[in-house]
Amino acid sequence: MIELSLAEIAKAIDGEVVIGDPGLTVNGIPDTDSRALAPGGIFFAKLGEHDDGHRYLEQVSSVAALAVVSTPNLSLTLPQIRVTDTVLALTALAKYVLNQVRSKGDLQVIGITGSNGKTSTKNMLREILSKVGPTIAPRDSFNNEVGLPLTVLRLDFDTRFLVLEMGAAGLGSIAALASWCLPDIGVELKVGLAHAGAFGGIEVTAQIKRELMPFIQRTAILNEDDPVVRDFEANPNVKRVSFGFAREANFEIKSVALSLSGTKLAIQYPDGKVSEITLKILGEHQAMNVSAALAVANELGVSREIAIQAVSEMEMAERWRMQLIKRPDGVFIINDAYNASPDSMRAALQTLATLGRQGHRTVAILGQMAELGSYATEEHDQLGRLVVRYNIDQLFVVGQEAKLIHMGASQEGSWDGESVFCETISAAFEAICDKLSPGDIVLVKSSNVAGLRFLGDELAGVK
């Protein structure tokens, strides 16, 4: 973070220095997690749903340079600034720091939203942009009212690129983030069924994703294949750039070929030249993320050679996201169980089916798709039927919340024992582990809450 005095911070967040010298300067990285706080960091004592950060003030007092609190601990010598709401204060400080850095440099801010693909696209952009200048991007999926400001607060005056994920948490949530970040470039990846149950329908999801559009300052990067995104309107002075398989896309995906060594694709740039790209990352859907990332890089003046080399060198999009591991016995595990929606499930199964046609037995281990609300019954049932239609050789369904996948598969076609239902992860491991043979490809996918990512790790033999 940039160096600021306690007095400057207090003014920026509408707070009061209750302990410490107002002239004291700090530049440590802020955090709300006492366990992750680095020496010299700024601790924001967040009042959470299940815990209260103020309980850890004494613990962080030997590490932190400053604490921002709503209830000071006057028994400590730790400098403290009192505010009404520490989460609002976090955003206020992030906004102040962002404005300071923007006013004194050539910082470019990229905001990414979409029902699927945010984290993969973010990671691709981090790899590309870090080749040409100091770049800040979120760790993990830091994309909400806490994670996004924490990412912004890692800025310093040398930062050239700031990549931000903007996650949806209901109506107004993306507007609340974008209205002060004001991204120079905004990326709209997809409107899908992820979180549709929690939001009240896909129409509401579309409305939330659209909230980014009025705040984009220079260029809107839009998915030409998604009819909802395609119709999003930007401000009159904002340039539109599209990506996708559609012939009308400015960055048109001409071809995609999958193998266990990765994904080969060809993308035609707006000048008509076609670039061949070989990714180590699996999945036809990754072609969409790559084309979006290349469109952003092109708008920022990054040469296509540098951009393509950067994405080609990526070992994986992120842990538990189409993460391919080959066991010593020749079994391939694809651990894609960080999250799941109907769209991402279909994409992962399509990848598995394509690889299976190259001479491999295919096994799908599937769990719950969370936050689907009234869509849950139909979508889980349809997913099971899709497994059969894709000719997946063996299906294991884990957890009561996912049982409709098993039932849908059992009612489709003439399957006889190809679908197995397991109540728990431990039962699934016991049912699966001795049924795999060299050359098998095993896809493990579910929403994060189902915990199948750990089953994938156990099957792959990784910690």
Protein backbone atom coordinates (compact mmCIF):
# COMPACT_ATOMS: atom_id res chain seq x y z
CA MET A 1 0.00 0.00 0.00
CA ILE A 2 1.07 3.59 -0.45
CA GLU A 3 2.46 5.32 2.63
CA LEU A 4 -0.15 7.27 4.59
CA SER A 5 -0.26 8.88 8.01
CA LEU A 6 -2.81 7.83 10.60
CA ALA A 7 -4.37 11.27 10.23
CA GLU A 8 -4.73 10.81 6.45
CA ILE A 9 -6.28 7.39 6.90
CA ALA A 10 -8.68 8.64 9.56
CA LYS A 11 -9.82 11.49 7.30
CA ALA A 12 -10.25 9.15 4.32
CA ILE A 13 -12.43 6.70 6.26
CA ASP A 14 -14.28 9.24 8.43
CA GLY A 15 -12.66 7.86 11.56
CA GLU A 16 -10.90 9.05 14.69
CA VAL A 17 -7.39 8.21 15.90
CA VAL A 18 -8.02 6.98 19.44
CA ILE A 19 -4.60 5.44 20.11
CA GLY A 20 -1.34 6.40 18.39
CA ASP A 21 0.41 9.42 16.90
CA PRO A 22 -1.67 10.92 14.06
CA GLY A 23 1.57 11.74 12.27
CA LEU A 24 2.75 8.11 12.28
CA THR A 25 2.99 6.73 8.74
CA VAL A 26 2.15 3.17 7.70
CA ASN A 27 2.29 1.32 4.37
CA GLY A 28 1.60 -2.29 5.34
CA ILE A 29 -0.84 -4.53 3.50
CA PRO A 30 -4.34 -4.40 5.05
CA ASP A 31 -6.27 -7.57 5.90
CA THR A 32 -9.36 -8.70 7.80
CA ASP A 33 -7.85 -12.12 8.61
CA SER A 34 -5.61 -12.03 11.67
CA ARG A 35 -3.90 -15.23 10.52
CA ALA A 36 -2.91 -13.73 7.17
CA LEU A 37 -1.76 -10.33 8.44
CA ALA A 38 1.83 -9.57 7.48
CA PRO A 39 4.19 -7.67 9.81
CA GLY A 40 3.42 -3.97 9.61
CA GLY A 41 -0.02 -4.62 8.15
CA ILE A 42 -3.27 -2.81 8.87
CA PHE A 43 -5.88 -4.95 10.58
CA PHE A 44 -9.54 -4.22 9.87
CA ALA A 45 -11.54 -5.75 12.72
CA LYS A 46 -14.54 -6.95 10.76
CA LEU A 47 -17.73 -7.98 12.49
CA GLY A 48 -18.67 -11.15 10.63
CA GLU A 49 -21.66 -13.46 10.63
CA HIS A 50 -19.88 -16.04 12.76
CA ASP A 51 -17.02 -14.13 14.38
CA ASP A 52 -15.86 -10.70 15.48
CA GLY A 53 -12.44 -9.45 14.42
CA HIS A 54 -12.18 -7.37 17.58
CA ARG A 55 -11.52 -10.62 19.48
CA TYR A 56 -8.14 -10.82 17.78
CA LEU A 57 -6.82 -7.32 18.51
CA GLU A 58 -4.50 -8.53 21.24
CA GLN A 59 -3.26 -11.34 18.99
CA VAL A 60 -2.38 -8.97 16.11
CA SER A 61 -0.94 -6.23 18.33
CA SER A 62 2.56 -7.68 18.00
CA VAL A 63 2.28 -7.79 14.21
CA ALA A 64 0.04 -4.96 13.03
CA ALA A 65 1.09 -1.34 12.61
CA LEU A 66 -2.52 -0.17 12.89
CA ALA A 67 -6.01 -1.51 13.59
CA VAL A 68 -9.23 -0.05 12.25
CA VAL A 69 -11.98 -0.83 14.73
CA SER A 70 -15.51 0.02 15.73
CA THR A 71 -14.79 -0.83 19.38
CA PRO A 72 -11.24 0.12 20.45
CA ASN A 73 -9.27 -1.95 22.93
CA LEU A 74 -7.84 0.79 25.14
CA SER A 75 -5.65 -1.65 27.07
CA LEU A 76 -3.37 -2.06 24.05
CA THR A 77 -0.65 0.26 22.74
CA LEU A 78 -1.52 -0.77 19.19
CA PRO A 79 -2.48 2.33 17.17
CA GLN A 80 -6.23 2.26 16.51
CA ILE A 81 -8.68 4.27 14.42
CA ARG A 82 -12.33 4.10 15.42
CA VAL A 83 -15.01 4.04 12.73
CA THR A 84 -18.72 3.23 12.65
CA ASP A 85 -18.40 0.32 10.21
CA THR A 86 -15.07 -1.32 9.42
CA VAL A 87 -16.24 -2.83 6.10
CA LEU A 88 -17.39 0.58 4.85
CA ALA A 89 -14.10 2.00 6.09
CA LEU A 90 -12.21 -0.63 4.10
CA THR A 91 -13.95 0.49 0.90
CA ALA A 92 -13.41 4.17 1.73
CA LEU A 93 -9.67 3.65 2.20
CA ALA A 94 -9.44 1.58 -0.99
CA LYS A 95 -11.22 4.33 -2.94
CA TYR A 96 -8.85 6.96 -1.52
CA VAL A 97 -5.75 4.93 -2.34
CA LEU A 98 -7.01 4.14 -5.85
CA ASN A 99 -7.67 7.83 -6.54
CA GLN A 100 -4.23 8.79 -5.22
CA VAL A 101 -2.44 6.26 -7.43
CA ARG A 102 -4.53 7.18 -10.47
CA SER A 103 -3.77 10.87 -10.03
CA LYS A 104 -0.01 10.34 -10.05
CA GLY A 105 0.54 7.63 -12.66
CA ASP A 106 -0.78 5.73 -15.65
CA LEU A 107 -2.65 3.01 -13.75
CA GLN A 108 -5.08 0.99 -15.87
CA VAL A 109 -7.98 -0.72 -14.07
CA ILE A 110 -9.68 -3.79 -15.53
CA GLY A 111 -12.97 -5.00 -14.05
CA ILE A 112 -14.25 -8.52 -14.81
CA THR A 113 -17.68 -9.96 -14.12
CA GLY A 114 -19.71 -12.93 -15.35
CA SER A 115 -21.43 -16.05 -14.07
CA ASN A 116 -18.46 -18.21 -15.10
CA GLY A 117 -14.83 -17.66 -15.97
CA LYS A 118 -13.93 -14.64 -13.82
CA THR A 119 -11.08 -16.25 -11.92
CA SER A 120 -9.55 -17.99 -14.95
CA THR A 121 -9.69 -14.79 -17.01
CA LYS A 122 -8.27 -12.80 -14.11
CA ASN A 123 -5.36 -15.22 -13.78
CA MET A 124 -4.69 -15.10 -17.53
CA LEU A 125 -4.59 -11.31 -17.43
CA ARG A 126 -2.26 -11.36 -14.44
CA GLU A 127 0.15 -13.58 -16.37
CA ILE A 128 -0.06 -11.41 -19.49
CA LEU A 129 0.13 -7.98 -17.90
CA SER A 130 2.88 -8.84 -15.42
CA LYS A 131 5.13 -9.40 -18.44
CA VAL A 132 4.94 -5.70 -19.33
CA GLY A 133 4.48 -3.91 -16.00
CA PRO A 134 3.78 -4.21 -12.26
CA THR A 135 0.37 -5.86 -11.92
CA ILE A 136 -2.01 -6.42 -9.02
CA ALA A 137 -4.74 -9.06 -9.25
CA PRO A 138 -6.87 -10.77 -6.58
CA ARG A 139 -5.77 -13.85 -4.75
CA ASP A 140 -8.26 -16.69 -4.84
CA SER A 141 -11.73 -15.26 -5.56
CA PHE A 142 -11.44 -11.94 -3.75
CA ASN A 143 -14.34 -10.33 -5.56
CA ASN A 144 -16.80 -8.98 -2.99
CA GLU A 145 -17.18 -5.95 -0.72
CA VAL A 146 -14.22 -7.15 1.36
CA GLY A 147 -11.99 -9.00 -1.11
CA LEU A 148 -12.06 -6.34 -3.81
CA PRO A 149 -10.99 -3.43 -1.55
CA LEU A 150 -8.27 -5.62 -0.05
CA THR A 151 -6.95 -6.18 -3.59
CA VAL A 152 -7.03 -2.45 -4.36
CA LEU A 153 -5.14 -1.68 -1.15
CA ARG A 154 -2.13 -3.64 -2.42
CA LEU A 155 -1.51 -0.80 -4.91
CA ASP A 156 1.55 1.38 -4.86
CA PHE A 157 2.61 4.22 -7.12
CA ASP A 158 4.56 1.87 -9.40
CA THR A 159 1.54 -0.33 -10.19
CA ARG A 160 0.63 -0.16 -13.85
CA PHE A 161 -2.26 -2.64 -14.04
CA LEU A 162 -4.99 -3.46 -11.52
CA VAL A 163 -7.17 -6.46 -12.39
CA LEU A 164 -10.37 -6.80 -10.37
CA GLU A 165 -12.99 -9.54 -10.15
CA MET A 166 -16.49 -8.26 -9.45
CA GLY A 167 -18.71 -10.93 -7.96
CA ALA A 168 -22.48 -10.70 -7.70
CA ALA A 169 -24.19 -10.75 -4.31
CA GLY A 170 -27.61 -9.44 -5.26
CA LEU A 171 -29.06 -6.36 -6.90
CA GLY A 172 -26.79 -3.35 -6.54
CA SER A 173 -23.74 -5.41 -5.52
CA ILE A 174 -21.71 -4.93 -8.70
CA ALA A 175 -22.75 -1.29 -8.98
CA ALA A 176 -21.51 -0.78 -5.42
CA LEU A 177 -18.06 -2.03 -6.48
CA ALA A 178 -17.82 -0.55 -9.96
CA SER A 179 -19.08 2.91 -8.98
CA TRP A 180 -15.85 3.74 -7.17
CA CYS A 181 -13.42 1.49 -9.07
CA LEU A 182 -14.52 3.01 -12.40
CA PRO A 183 -12.69 0.42 -14.54
CA ASP A 184 -10.99 1.69 -17.66
CA ILE A 185 -11.81 -1.65 -19.28
CA GLY A 186 -14.80 -3.76 -18.28
CA VAL A 187 -15.24 -7.43 -19.22
CA GLU A 188 -18.66 -9.12 -19.34
CA LEU A 189 -18.04 -12.87 -19.67
CA LYS A 190 -21.43 -14.57 -19.37
CA VAL A 191 -24.87 -14.48 -17.83
CA GLY A 192 -25.71 -17.97 -16.62
CA LEU A 193 -27.60 -19.85 -13.92
CA ALA A 194 -24.86 -19.55 -11.27
CA HIS A 195 -26.54 -18.05 -8.16
CA ALA A 196 -29.82 -17.66 -10.08
CA GLY A 197 -31.73 -19.34 -7.27
CA ALA A 198 -30.35 -16.94 -4.69
CA PHE A 199 -31.00 -13.92 -6.89
CA GLY A 200 -34.52 -14.82 -7.99
CA GLY A 201 -33.96 -15.88 -11.58
CA ILE A 202 -31.62 -15.46 -14.51
CA GLU A 203 -33.29 -12.17 -15.44
CA VAL A 204 -32.15 -10.73 -12.11
CA THR A 205 -28.67 -12.17 -12.67
CA ALA A 206 -28.54 -10.33 -15.99
CA GLN A 207 -29.61 -7.12 -14.33
CA ILE A 208 -26.85 -7.46 -11.73
CA LYS A 209 -24.16 -8.21 -14.33
CA ARG A 210 -25.35 -5.24 -16.39
CA GLU A 211 -24.58 -2.95 -13.45
CA LEU A 212 -20.93 -2.84 -14.52
CA MET A 213 -21.70 -1.21 -17.87
CA PRO A 214 -22.40 2.44 -16.85
CA PHE A 215 -19.13 2.64 -14.95
CA ILE A 216 -16.78 1.45 -17.72
CA GLN A 217 -14.62 4.38 -18.73
CA ARG A 218 -13.03 3.39 -22.03
CA THR A 219 -13.65 -0.10 -23.44
CA ALA A 220 -16.30 -2.78 -22.88
CA ILE A 221 -15.21 -6.33 -23.73
CA LEU A 222 -18.37 -8.39 -24.39
CA ASN A 223 -19.22 -12.03 -25.07
CA GLU A 224 -20.68 -12.08 -28.58
CA ASP A 225 -22.01 -15.63 -28.11
CA ASP A 226 -24.20 -14.70 -25.15
CA PRO A 227 -27.38 -13.00 -26.44
CA VAL A 228 -27.93 -11.29 -23.09
CA VAL A 229 -24.41 -9.87 -22.86
CA ARG A 230 -24.43 -8.97 -26.54
CA ASP A 231 -27.33 -6.60 -25.90
CA PHE A 232 -25.67 -4.83 -22.96
CA GLU A 233 -25.35 -1.12 -23.70
CA ALA A 234 -22.26 0.89 -22.83
CA ASN A 235 -22.02 4.66 -22.51
CA PRO A 236 -21.84 6.43 -25.90
CA ASN A 237 -18.15 7.28 -25.55
CA VAL A 238 -17.15 3.71 -24.62
CA LYS A 239 -15.65 1.43 -27.27
CA ARG A 240 -17.19 -2.05 -27.71
CA VAL A 241 -14.98 -5.06 -28.42
CA SER A 242 -16.45 -8.57 -28.70
CA PHE A 243 -15.09 -12.10 -28.38
CA GLY A 244 -16.46 -15.58 -29.01
CA PHE A 245 -17.15 -18.24 -31.63
CA ALA A 246 -19.61 -16.02 -33.50
CA ARG A 247 -18.39 -14.74 -36.85
CA GLU A 248 -19.32 -11.23 -35.76
CA ALA A 249 -16.86 -11.32 -32.84
CA ASN A 250 -13.87 -8.99 -33.07
CA PHE A 251 -11.78 -11.73 -31.47
CA GLU A 252 -13.23 -14.78 -33.19
CA ILE A 253 -12.41 -18.29 -32.02
CA LYS A 254 -11.91 -20.20 -35.26
CA SER A 255 -11.16 -23.65 -33.86
CA VAL A 256 -10.58 -25.59 -30.64
CA ALA A 257 -8.99 -29.02 -30.21
CA LEU A 258 -8.63 -30.85 -26.89
CA SER A 259 -6.18 -33.49 -25.72
CA LEU A 260 -4.67 -34.53 -22.43
CA SER A 261 -1.70 -32.30 -23.22
CA GLY A 262 -3.96 -29.23 -23.29
CA THR A 263 -6.11 -27.11 -25.55
CA LYS A 264 -5.17 -25.88 -29.02
CA LEU A 265 -7.12 -22.99 -30.46
CA ALA A 266 -7.00 -20.44 -33.23
CA ILE A 267 -8.18 -16.88 -32.67
CA GLN A 268 -8.65 -14.29 -35.37
CA TYR A 269 -7.73 -10.77 -34.30
CA PRO A 270 -9.63 -7.69 -35.54
CA ASP A 271 -6.99 -7.15 -38.25
CA GLY A 272 -7.89 -10.52 -39.78
CA LYS A 273 -4.71 -12.31 -38.72
CA VAL A 274 -5.17 -15.69 -37.03
CA SER A 275 -3.01 -16.70 -34.08
CA GLU A 276 -2.48 -20.34 -33.12
CA ILE A 277 -2.36 -20.90 -29.35
CA THR A 278 -1.48 -24.02 -27.36
CA LEU A 279 -2.65 -24.01 -23.76
CA LYS A 280 -1.65 -26.41 -21.03
CA ILE A 281 -5.10 -25.71 -19.57
CA LEU A 282 -7.98 -28.05 -20.40
CA GLY A 283 -11.39 -27.08 -21.73
CA GLU A 284 -13.10 -25.67 -24.78
CA HIS A 285 -14.68 -23.08 -22.47
CA GLN A 286 -11.19 -21.81 -21.68
CA ALA A 287 -11.05 -20.57 -25.27
CA MET A 288 -13.65 -17.97 -24.31
CA ASN A 289 -11.60 -16.85 -21.32
CA VAL A 290 -8.44 -16.66 -23.42
CA SER A 291 -10.11 -14.63 -26.16
CA ALA A 292 -11.45 -12.19 -23.55
CA ALA A 293 -8.01 -11.86 -21.97
CA LEU A 294 -6.34 -11.31 -25.35
CA ALA A 295 -8.93 -8.65 -26.19
CA VAL A 296 -8.08 -6.79 -22.99
CA ALA A 297 -4.35 -7.11 -23.61
CA ASN A 298 -4.76 -5.79 -27.13
CA GLU A 299 -6.67 -2.74 -25.84
CA LEU A 300 -3.82 -2.10 -23.40
CA GLY A 301 -1.21 -2.19 -26.15
CA VAL A 302 0.36 -5.52 -25.20
CA SER A 303 1.82 -7.28 -28.24
CA ARG A 304 -0.01 -10.44 -29.20
CA GLU A 305 3.26 -12.38 -29.10
CA ILE A 306 3.80 -11.51 -25.44
CA ALA A 307 0.15 -12.15 -24.56
CA ILE A 308 -0.02 -15.51 -26.30
CA GLN A 309 3.26 -16.71 -24.81
CA ALA A 310 2.07 -15.75 -21.33
CA VAL A 311 -1.18 -17.76 -21.50
CA SER A 312 0.59 -20.65 -23.21
CA GLU A 313 2.98 -20.97 -20.26
CA MET A 314 0.24 -21.21 -17.62
CA GLU A 315 0.24 -24.62 -15.95
CA MET A 316 -3.39 -24.31 -14.83
CA ALA A 317 -6.11 -21.71 -14.51
CA GLU A 318 -6.15 -22.15 -10.73
CA ARG A 319 -6.13 -24.99 -8.24
CA TRP A 320 -9.35 -27.04 -8.42
CA ARG A 321 -10.33 -25.47 -11.76
CA MET A 322 -9.87 -28.07 -14.51
CA GLN A 323 -6.68 -29.07 -12.70
CA LEU A 324 -5.22 -32.11 -14.47
CA ILE A 325 -3.10 -34.53 -12.47
CA LYS A 326 -1.61 -37.76 -13.80
CA ARG A 327 -1.12 -40.38 -11.13
CA PRO A 328 1.93 -42.68 -11.18
CA ASP A 329 -0.35 -45.55 -12.21
CA GLY A 330 -1.51 -43.69 -15.33
CA VAL A 331 -4.94 -42.56 -14.11
CA PHE A 332 -5.80 -38.95 -14.98
CA ILE A 333 -7.72 -36.85 -12.45
CA ILE A 334 -9.37 -33.58 -13.52
CA ASN A 335 -10.20 -31.74 -10.30
CA ASP A 336 -12.72 -29.03 -11.19
CA ALA A 337 -14.57 -28.97 -7.89
CA TYR A 338 -13.99 -25.41 -6.74
CA ASN A 339 -17.39 -24.37 -8.05
CA ALA A 340 -20.20 -25.54 -10.29
CA SER A 341 -23.18 -24.22 -12.19
CA PRO A 342 -25.21 -25.85 -14.97
CA ASP A 343 -23.10 -24.06 -17.58
CA SER A 344 -19.75 -25.01 -16.08
CA MET A 345 -20.93 -28.60 -15.48
CA ARG A 346 -21.88 -28.95 -19.14
CA ALA A 347 -18.55 -27.49 -20.24
CA ALA A 348 -16.56 -29.86 -18.00
CA LEU A 349 -18.54 -32.91 -19.12
CA GLN A 350 -18.11 -31.91 -22.75
CA THR A 351 -14.35 -31.80 -22.19
CA LEU A 352 -14.45 -35.23 -20.53
CA ALA A 353 -16.49 -36.68 -23.39
CA THR A 354 -14.12 -35.26 -25.99
CA LEU A 355 -11.11 -36.76 -24.23
CA GLY A 356 -12.93 -40.07 -23.91
CA ARG A 357 -13.31 -40.29 -27.67
CA GLN A 358 -9.53 -40.38 -27.86
CA GLY A 359 -9.43 -43.91 -26.42
CA HIS A 360 -9.90 -43.39 -22.70
CA ARG A 361 -12.49 -44.73 -20.26
CA THR A 362 -14.31 -41.79 -18.68
CA VAL A 363 -15.53 -41.44 -15.10
CA ALA A 364 -17.52 -38.49 -13.75
CA ILE A 365 -17.75 -37.86 -10.00
CA LEU A 366 -20.36 -35.16 -9.50
CA GLY A 367 -21.81 -33.33 -6.53
CA GLN A 368 -24.27 -30.60 -5.76
CA MET A 369 -24.71 -27.41 -7.78
CA ALA A 370 -25.55 -24.88 -5.07
CA GLU A 371 -27.70 -21.73 -5.10
CA LEU A 372 -30.02 -22.82 -7.90
CA GLY A 373 -33.23 -22.33 -5.92
CA SER A 374 -36.28 -23.36 -7.93
CA TYR A 375 -34.02 -24.43 -10.82
CA ALA A 376 -32.27 -27.10 -8.71
CA THR A 377 -34.57 -30.07 -9.35
CA GLU A 378 -34.66 -29.71 -13.11
CA GLU A 379 -31.01 -28.82 -13.52
CA HIS A 380 -29.68 -31.73 -11.45
CA ASP A 381 -32.01 -34.14 -13.26
CA GLN A 382 -30.99 -32.80 -16.67
CA LEU A 383 -27.32 -33.03 -15.75
CA GLY A 384 -27.66 -36.75 -15.02
CA ARG A 385 -29.32 -37.30 -18.38
CA LEU A 386 -26.58 -35.30 -20.08
CA VAL A 387 -23.93 -37.64 -18.63
CA VAL A 388 -25.65 -40.52 -20.42
CA ARG A 389 -26.01 -38.62 -23.70
CA TYR A 390 -22.31 -37.73 -23.61
CA ASN A 391 -21.53 -41.46 -23.29
CA ILE A 392 -19.59 -41.09 -20.08
CA ASP A 393 -18.63 -44.62 -19.04
CA GLN A 394 -19.17 -44.40 -15.28
CA LEU A 395 -20.93 -41.91 -13.00
CA PHE A 396 -20.58 -41.51 -9.24
CA VAL A 397 -22.91 -39.01 -7.55
CA VAL A 398 -21.96 -37.80 -4.07
CA GLY A 399 -24.27 -36.30 -1.45
CA GLN A 400 -28.01 -36.22 -0.89
CA GLU A 401 -28.31 -32.76 -2.46
CA ALA A 402 -27.00 -34.19 -5.74
CA LYS A 403 -29.04 -37.42 -5.79
CA LEU A 404 -31.24 -36.17 -8.63
CA ILE A 405 -28.19 -36.37 -10.91
CA HIS A 406 -28.05 -40.10 -10.20
CA MET A 407 -31.79 -40.48 -10.67
CA GLY A 408 -31.78 -38.56 -13.94
CA ALA A 409 -28.96 -40.69 -15.32
CA SER A 410 -30.64 -43.92 -14.20
CA GLN A 411 -33.83 -42.98 -16.06
CA GLU A 412 -32.02 -42.07 -19.28
CA GLY A 413 -31.25 -44.81 -21.78
CA SER A 414 -30.45 -48.35 -20.74
CA TRP A 415 -27.82 -47.81 -18.07
CA ASP A 416 -27.28 -50.75 -15.73
CA GLY A 417 -25.03 -49.92 -12.81
CA GLU A 418 -23.12 -47.20 -14.60
CA SER A 419 -24.45 -44.66 -12.09
CA VAL A 420 -23.60 -45.14 -8.42
CA PHE A 421 -24.93 -42.96 -5.60
CA CYS A 422 -22.81 -42.35 -2.50
CA GLU A 423 -24.08 -40.57 0.59
CA THR A 424 -20.70 -39.24 1.72
CA ILE A 425 -17.27 -38.34 0.38
CA SER A 426 -15.65 -41.16 2.37
CA ALA A 427 -18.13 -43.67 0.94
CA ALA A 428 -17.43 -42.34 -2.53
CA PHE A 429 -13.69 -42.77 -2.09
CA GLU A 430 -14.14 -46.37 -1.00
CA ALA A 431 -16.46 -47.06 -3.94
CA ILE A 432 -14.19 -45.47 -6.52
CA CYS A 433 -10.56 -46.01 -5.56
CA ASP A 434 -10.26 -49.68 -6.59
CA LYS A 435 -12.29 -49.29 -9.79
CA LEU A 436 -9.82 -47.10 -11.69
CA SER A 437 -7.38 -48.41 -14.28
CA PRO A 438 -4.42 -46.88 -16.15
CA GLY A 439 -5.63 -44.54 -18.86
CA ASP A 440 -8.92 -43.70 -17.14
CA ILE A 441 -9.88 -40.02 -17.06
CA VAL A 442 -11.77 -38.99 -13.93
CA LEU A 443 -13.63 -35.68 -13.68
CA VAL A 444 -14.44 -34.45 -10.17
CA LYS A 445 -16.86 -31.52 -10.11
CA SER A 446 -19.26 -29.87 -7.67
CA SER A 447 -19.96 -26.58 -5.98
CA ASN A 448 -17.47 -25.58 -3.31
CA VAL A 449 -19.91 -26.33 -0.49
CA ALA A 450 -20.02 -30.03 -1.47
CA GLY A 451 -16.31 -30.42 -0.71
CA LEU A 452 -15.52 -32.74 -3.63
CA ARG A 453 -12.29 -30.84 -4.34
CA PHE A 454 -10.81 -32.70 -1.37
CA LEU A 455 -12.01 -36.03 -2.78
CA GLY A 456 -10.29 -35.07 -6.03
CA ASP A 457 -7.08 -34.36 -4.14
CA GLU A 458 -7.34 -37.67 -2.30
CA LEU A 459 -7.90 -39.61 -5.51
CA ALA A 460 -4.99 -37.80 -7.14
CA GLY A 461 -2.74 -38.41 -4.15
CA VAL A 462 -1.97 -34.74 -3.54
CA LYS A 463 -2.13 -32.70 -0.35
